Amino acid sequence: MTPDLVLIEWVDSGQPIPGWQWLSEMESRTPHKCVSVGFLVQDDETTKVLAPNLGASDGLGDWDQASGLMTIPTVSITKIERLTSSSASMAGAYGQGPLSER
């Protein structure tokens, strides 16, 4: 079974600023808005894990491997959107016509 392909918008902390800062001169900081796209290979109360790459170890069968895993805390997510059905996204990958024809 192919995991859902999703787009996730989320917020992340900013990179630490090196060196000492005068508190009186510190500028206001905000979290960074991020967006990530991938196959949702883990979906639970605390964590969403996206994989940009899936592989079938036998070259033909079901997807049984993933690489490039990205872990996003569920509390950081502001929006999650399913992009396509699994069958439609995989049909295009196997040369069954361009997406515009479907």
N, C-alpha and C. Protein backbone atom coordinates (compact mmCIF):
# COMPACT_ATOMS: atom_id res chain seq x y z
N MET A 1 0.83 -1.18 0.00
CA MET A 1 0.00 0.00 0.00
C MET A 1 0.88 1.25 0.00
N THR A 2 0.53 2.22 -0.82
CA THR A 2 1.28 3.47 -0.89
C THR A 2 0.76 4.46 0.14
N PRO A 3 1.64 5.03 0.96
CA PRO A 3 1.20 6.05 1.91
C PRO A 3 0.67 7.29 1.17
N ASP A 4 -0.20 8.05 1.84
CA ASP A 4 -0.73 9.28 1.25
C ASP A 4 0.39 10.27 0.96
N LEU A 5 0.25 10.98 -0.15
CA LEU A 5 1.15 12.08 -0.49
C LEU A 5 0.53 13.35 0.09
N VAL A 6 1.29 14.07 0.94
CA VAL A 6 0.74 15.22 1.64
C VAL A 6 1.66 16.44 1.57
N LEU A 7 1.06 17.60 1.78
CA LEU A 7 1.78 18.85 1.97
C LEU A 7 1.52 19.25 3.42
N ILE A 8 2.58 19.54 4.16
CA ILE A 8 2.45 19.95 5.55
C ILE A 8 3.08 21.33 5.72
N GLU A 9 2.30 22.27 6.27
CA GLU A 9 2.83 23.56 6.68
C GLU A 9 3.05 23.49 8.18
N TRP A 10 4.21 23.99 8.64
CA TRP A 10 4.56 23.88 10.05
C TRP A 10 5.50 25.00 10.45
N VAL A 11 5.67 25.18 11.74
CA VAL A 11 6.57 26.20 12.24
C VAL A 11 7.76 25.54 12.94
N ASP A 12 8.91 26.19 12.83
CA ASP A 12 10.14 25.65 13.39
C ASP A 12 10.86 26.77 14.14
N SER A 13 11.72 26.38 15.05
CA SER A 13 12.52 27.37 15.78
C SER A 13 13.59 27.95 14.88
N GLY A 14 14.05 29.14 15.20
CA GLY A 14 15.12 29.77 14.43
C GLY A 14 16.48 29.28 14.90
N GLN A 15 17.45 29.39 14.03
CA GLN A 15 18.81 29.00 14.38
C GLN A 15 19.35 29.94 15.46
N PRO A 16 20.05 29.42 16.44
CA PRO A 16 20.61 30.29 17.48
C PRO A 16 21.54 31.36 16.89
N ILE A 17 21.50 32.54 17.47
CA ILE A 17 22.40 33.63 17.07
C ILE A 17 23.68 33.47 17.89
N PRO A 18 24.83 33.38 17.23
CA PRO A 18 26.08 33.19 17.97
C PRO A 18 26.48 34.48 18.71
N GLY A 19 27.21 34.31 19.73
CA GLY A 19 27.74 35.46 20.47
C GLY A 19 26.74 36.04 21.45
N TRP A 20 27.22 36.97 22.23
CA TRP A 20 26.40 37.64 23.24
C TRP A 20 25.57 38.72 22.60
N GLN A 21 24.38 38.92 23.13
CA GLN A 21 23.47 39.96 22.65
C GLN A 21 23.02 40.80 23.84
N TRP A 22 23.00 42.13 23.66
CA TRP A 22 22.42 42.99 24.69
C TRP A 22 20.91 42.83 24.62
N LEU A 23 20.29 42.51 25.73
CA LEU A 23 18.84 42.33 25.75
C LEU A 23 18.12 43.60 25.31
N SER A 24 18.68 44.76 25.64
CA SER A 24 18.05 46.03 25.27
C SER A 24 18.11 46.29 23.76
N GLU A 25 19.00 45.59 23.04
CA GLU A 25 19.16 45.79 21.60
C GLU A 25 18.62 44.61 20.78
N MET A 26 18.09 43.62 21.48
CA MET A 26 17.60 42.43 20.80
C MET A 26 16.34 42.74 19.99
N GLU A 27 16.34 42.32 18.73
CA GLU A 27 15.17 42.49 17.87
C GLU A 27 14.18 41.36 18.12
N SER A 28 12.91 41.64 17.89
CA SER A 28 11.87 40.64 18.07
C SER A 28 12.10 39.48 17.11
N ARG A 29 11.89 38.28 17.59
CA ARG A 29 12.09 37.08 16.76
C ARG A 29 10.79 36.31 16.67
N THR A 30 10.59 35.60 15.58
CA THR A 30 9.39 34.78 15.38
C THR A 30 9.80 33.41 14.86
N PRO A 31 8.93 32.41 15.04
CA PRO A 31 9.22 31.09 14.46
C PRO A 31 9.24 31.18 12.93
N HIS A 32 9.91 30.23 12.31
CA HIS A 32 10.00 30.17 10.86
C HIS A 32 8.84 29.35 10.30
N LYS A 33 8.19 29.84 9.25
CA LYS A 33 7.15 29.08 8.57
C LYS A 33 7.83 28.15 7.57
N CYS A 34 7.44 26.89 7.58
CA CYS A 34 8.04 25.89 6.70
C CYS A 34 6.94 25.14 5.95
N VAL A 35 7.30 24.56 4.82
CA VAL A 35 6.39 23.69 4.08
C VAL A 35 7.20 22.49 3.59
N SER A 36 6.61 21.30 3.73
CA SER A 36 7.26 20.07 3.32
C SER A 36 6.25 19.19 2.59
N VAL A 37 6.73 18.44 1.59
CA VAL A 37 5.89 17.54 0.81
C VAL A 37 6.53 16.16 0.83
N GLY A 38 5.71 15.13 0.99
CA GLY A 38 6.23 13.77 0.96
C GLY A 38 5.15 12.76 1.25
N PHE A 39 5.57 11.51 1.28
CA PHE A 39 4.67 10.41 1.62
C PHE A 39 4.60 10.30 3.14
N LEU A 40 3.39 10.28 3.68
CA LEU A 40 3.18 10.24 5.12
C LEU A 40 3.33 8.80 5.60
N VAL A 41 4.53 8.45 6.09
CA VAL A 41 4.82 7.07 6.49
C VAL A 41 4.59 6.81 7.97
N GLN A 42 4.42 7.88 8.76
CA GLN A 42 4.03 7.73 10.16
C GLN A 42 3.11 8.89 10.49
N ASP A 43 1.98 8.55 11.13
CA ASP A 43 0.97 9.56 11.45
C ASP A 43 0.34 9.18 12.79
N ASP A 44 0.80 9.84 13.86
CA ASP A 44 0.20 9.56 15.16
C ASP A 44 0.02 10.87 15.93
N GLU A 45 -0.36 10.77 17.19
CA GLU A 45 -0.68 11.95 17.99
C GLU A 45 0.49 12.91 18.16
N THR A 46 1.70 12.40 18.19
CA THR A 46 2.86 13.24 18.48
C THR A 46 3.74 13.54 17.29
N THR A 47 3.66 12.72 16.23
CA THR A 47 4.65 12.79 15.16
C THR A 47 4.05 12.53 13.79
N LYS A 48 4.52 13.29 12.81
CA LYS A 48 4.27 13.01 11.40
C LYS A 48 5.64 12.80 10.77
N VAL A 49 5.80 11.73 9.99
CA VAL A 49 7.07 11.46 9.32
C VAL A 49 6.82 11.41 7.82
N LEU A 50 7.56 12.25 7.08
CA LEU A 50 7.46 12.30 5.62
C LEU A 50 8.67 11.65 4.98
N ALA A 51 8.42 10.94 3.88
CA ALA A 51 9.48 10.35 3.08
C ALA A 51 9.35 10.88 1.66
N PRO A 52 10.38 11.55 1.14
CA PRO A 52 10.31 12.01 -0.24
C PRO A 52 10.54 10.88 -1.25
N ASN A 53 11.11 9.78 -0.76
CA ASN A 53 11.47 8.67 -1.65
C ASN A 53 10.97 7.35 -1.09
N LEU A 54 10.33 6.54 -1.96
CA LEU A 54 9.92 5.19 -1.61
C LEU A 54 10.61 4.22 -2.56
N GLY A 55 10.87 3.02 -2.10
CA GLY A 55 11.50 2.02 -2.94
C GLY A 55 10.92 0.64 -2.72
N ALA A 56 10.94 -0.17 -3.77
CA ALA A 56 10.53 -1.58 -3.68
C ALA A 56 11.80 -2.41 -3.81
N SER A 57 12.17 -3.12 -2.77
CA SER A 57 13.46 -3.81 -2.76
C SER A 57 13.56 -4.90 -3.82
N ASP A 58 12.41 -5.47 -4.23
CA ASP A 58 12.47 -6.49 -5.27
C ASP A 58 12.34 -5.89 -6.68
N GLY A 59 12.20 -4.57 -6.76
CA GLY A 59 12.12 -3.91 -8.05
C GLY A 59 10.74 -3.91 -8.67
N LEU A 60 9.80 -4.63 -8.12
CA LEU A 60 8.47 -4.74 -8.74
C LEU A 60 7.31 -4.61 -7.76
N GLY A 61 7.49 -5.07 -6.54
CA GLY A 61 6.38 -5.21 -5.61
C GLY A 61 6.02 -3.96 -4.84
N ASP A 62 5.51 -4.19 -3.64
CA ASP A 62 5.08 -3.10 -2.77
C ASP A 62 6.26 -2.28 -2.30
N TRP A 63 5.96 -1.02 -1.97
CA TRP A 63 6.98 -0.13 -1.40
C TRP A 63 7.32 -0.66 -0.02
N ASP A 64 8.58 -0.99 0.21
CA ASP A 64 8.98 -1.51 1.51
C ASP A 64 10.18 -0.76 2.10
N GLN A 65 10.62 0.32 1.42
CA GLN A 65 11.73 1.12 1.89
C GLN A 65 11.42 2.60 1.71
N ALA A 66 12.08 3.42 2.50
CA ALA A 66 11.95 4.88 2.37
C ALA A 66 13.30 5.50 2.69
N SER A 67 13.58 6.65 2.07
CA SER A 67 14.81 7.38 2.39
C SER A 67 14.50 8.86 2.52
N GLY A 68 15.36 9.57 3.20
CA GLY A 68 15.19 11.00 3.39
C GLY A 68 14.11 11.34 4.41
N LEU A 69 13.89 10.48 5.39
CA LEU A 69 12.81 10.68 6.35
C LEU A 69 12.94 12.00 7.11
N MET A 70 11.81 12.70 7.22
CA MET A 70 11.75 13.96 7.96
C MET A 70 10.70 13.84 9.05
N THR A 71 11.08 14.11 10.29
CA THR A 71 10.17 14.02 11.43
C THR A 71 9.69 15.41 11.81
N ILE A 72 8.37 15.57 11.87
CA ILE A 72 7.77 16.86 12.23
C ILE A 72 6.88 16.63 13.46
N PRO A 73 7.11 17.37 14.55
CA PRO A 73 6.22 17.24 15.70
C PRO A 73 4.80 17.69 15.34
N THR A 74 3.81 16.91 15.72
CA THR A 74 2.41 17.22 15.40
C THR A 74 2.02 18.60 15.92
N VAL A 75 2.53 19.00 17.08
CA VAL A 75 2.17 20.31 17.65
C VAL A 75 2.69 21.47 16.81
N SER A 76 3.65 21.24 15.94
CA SER A 76 4.21 22.29 15.09
C SER A 76 3.42 22.51 13.80
N ILE A 77 2.48 21.63 13.51
CA ILE A 77 1.77 21.66 12.23
C ILE A 77 0.62 22.66 12.26
N THR A 78 0.57 23.53 11.23
CA THR A 78 -0.52 24.49 11.10
C THR A 78 -1.52 24.08 10.03
N LYS A 79 -1.08 23.22 9.09
CA LYS A 79 -1.97 22.76 8.01
C LYS A 79 -1.41 21.48 7.43
N ILE A 80 -2.31 20.54 7.11
CA ILE A 80 -1.90 19.33 6.41
C ILE A 80 -2.94 19.07 5.32
N GLU A 81 -2.45 18.82 4.11
CA GLU A 81 -3.34 18.65 2.96
C GLU A 81 -2.93 17.43 2.16
N ARG A 82 -3.87 16.55 1.89
CA ARG A 82 -3.61 15.39 1.04
C ARG A 82 -3.56 15.89 -0.40
N LEU A 83 -2.52 15.53 -1.14
CA LEU A 83 -2.33 16.08 -2.48
C LEU A 83 -3.01 15.28 -3.58
N THR A 84 -2.89 13.97 -3.55
CA THR A 84 -3.50 13.13 -4.58
C THR A 84 -3.85 11.78 -3.97
N SER A 85 -4.63 11.02 -4.69
CA SER A 85 -4.85 9.65 -4.25
C SER A 85 -3.61 8.85 -4.57
N SER A 86 -3.37 7.80 -3.84
CA SER A 86 -2.18 6.97 -4.06
C SER A 86 -2.15 6.38 -5.46
N SER A 87 -3.30 5.93 -5.95
CA SER A 87 -3.32 5.30 -7.26
C SER A 87 -3.03 6.29 -8.37
N ALA A 88 -3.53 7.51 -8.26
CA ALA A 88 -3.29 8.51 -9.30
C ALA A 88 -1.82 8.93 -9.32
N SER A 89 -1.22 9.11 -8.14
CA SER A 89 0.18 9.54 -8.10
C SER A 89 1.10 8.45 -8.63
N MET A 90 0.80 7.20 -8.38
CA MET A 90 1.64 6.11 -8.85
C MET A 90 1.42 5.83 -10.34
N ALA A 91 0.21 6.07 -10.86
CA ALA A 91 -0.04 5.83 -12.28
C ALA A 91 0.83 6.73 -13.14
N GLY A 92 0.98 7.99 -12.76
CA GLY A 92 1.82 8.91 -13.51
C GLY A 92 3.28 8.51 -13.47
N ALA A 93 3.70 7.88 -12.39
CA ALA A 93 5.09 7.47 -12.25
C ALA A 93 5.44 6.32 -13.19
N TYR A 94 4.46 5.60 -13.68
CA TYR A 94 4.72 4.46 -14.53
C TYR A 94 4.35 4.70 -15.98
N GLY A 95 4.33 5.97 -16.41
CA GLY A 95 4.13 6.29 -17.82
C GLY A 95 2.74 6.05 -18.34
N GLN A 96 1.74 6.12 -17.50
CA GLN A 96 0.37 5.92 -17.95
C GLN A 96 -0.26 7.24 -18.33
N GLY A 97 0.46 8.07 -18.98
CA GLY A 97 -0.05 9.34 -19.46
C GLY A 97 0.24 10.48 -18.48
N PRO A 98 0.32 11.70 -19.02
CA PRO A 98 0.55 12.85 -18.17
C PRO A 98 -0.66 13.11 -17.27
N LEU A 99 -0.42 13.78 -16.15
CA LEU A 99 -1.50 14.08 -15.22
C LEU A 99 -2.62 14.87 -15.87
N SER A 100 -2.30 15.71 -16.87
CA SER A 100 -3.31 16.52 -17.51
C SER A 100 -4.33 15.69 -18.28
N GLU A 101 -3.98 14.45 -18.61
CA GLU A 101 -4.91 13.58 -19.35
C GLU A 101 -5.85 12.85 -18.42
N ARG A 102 -5.62 12.90 -17.11
CA ARG A 102 -6.46 12.16 -16.18
C ARG A 102 -7.48 13.03 -15.54
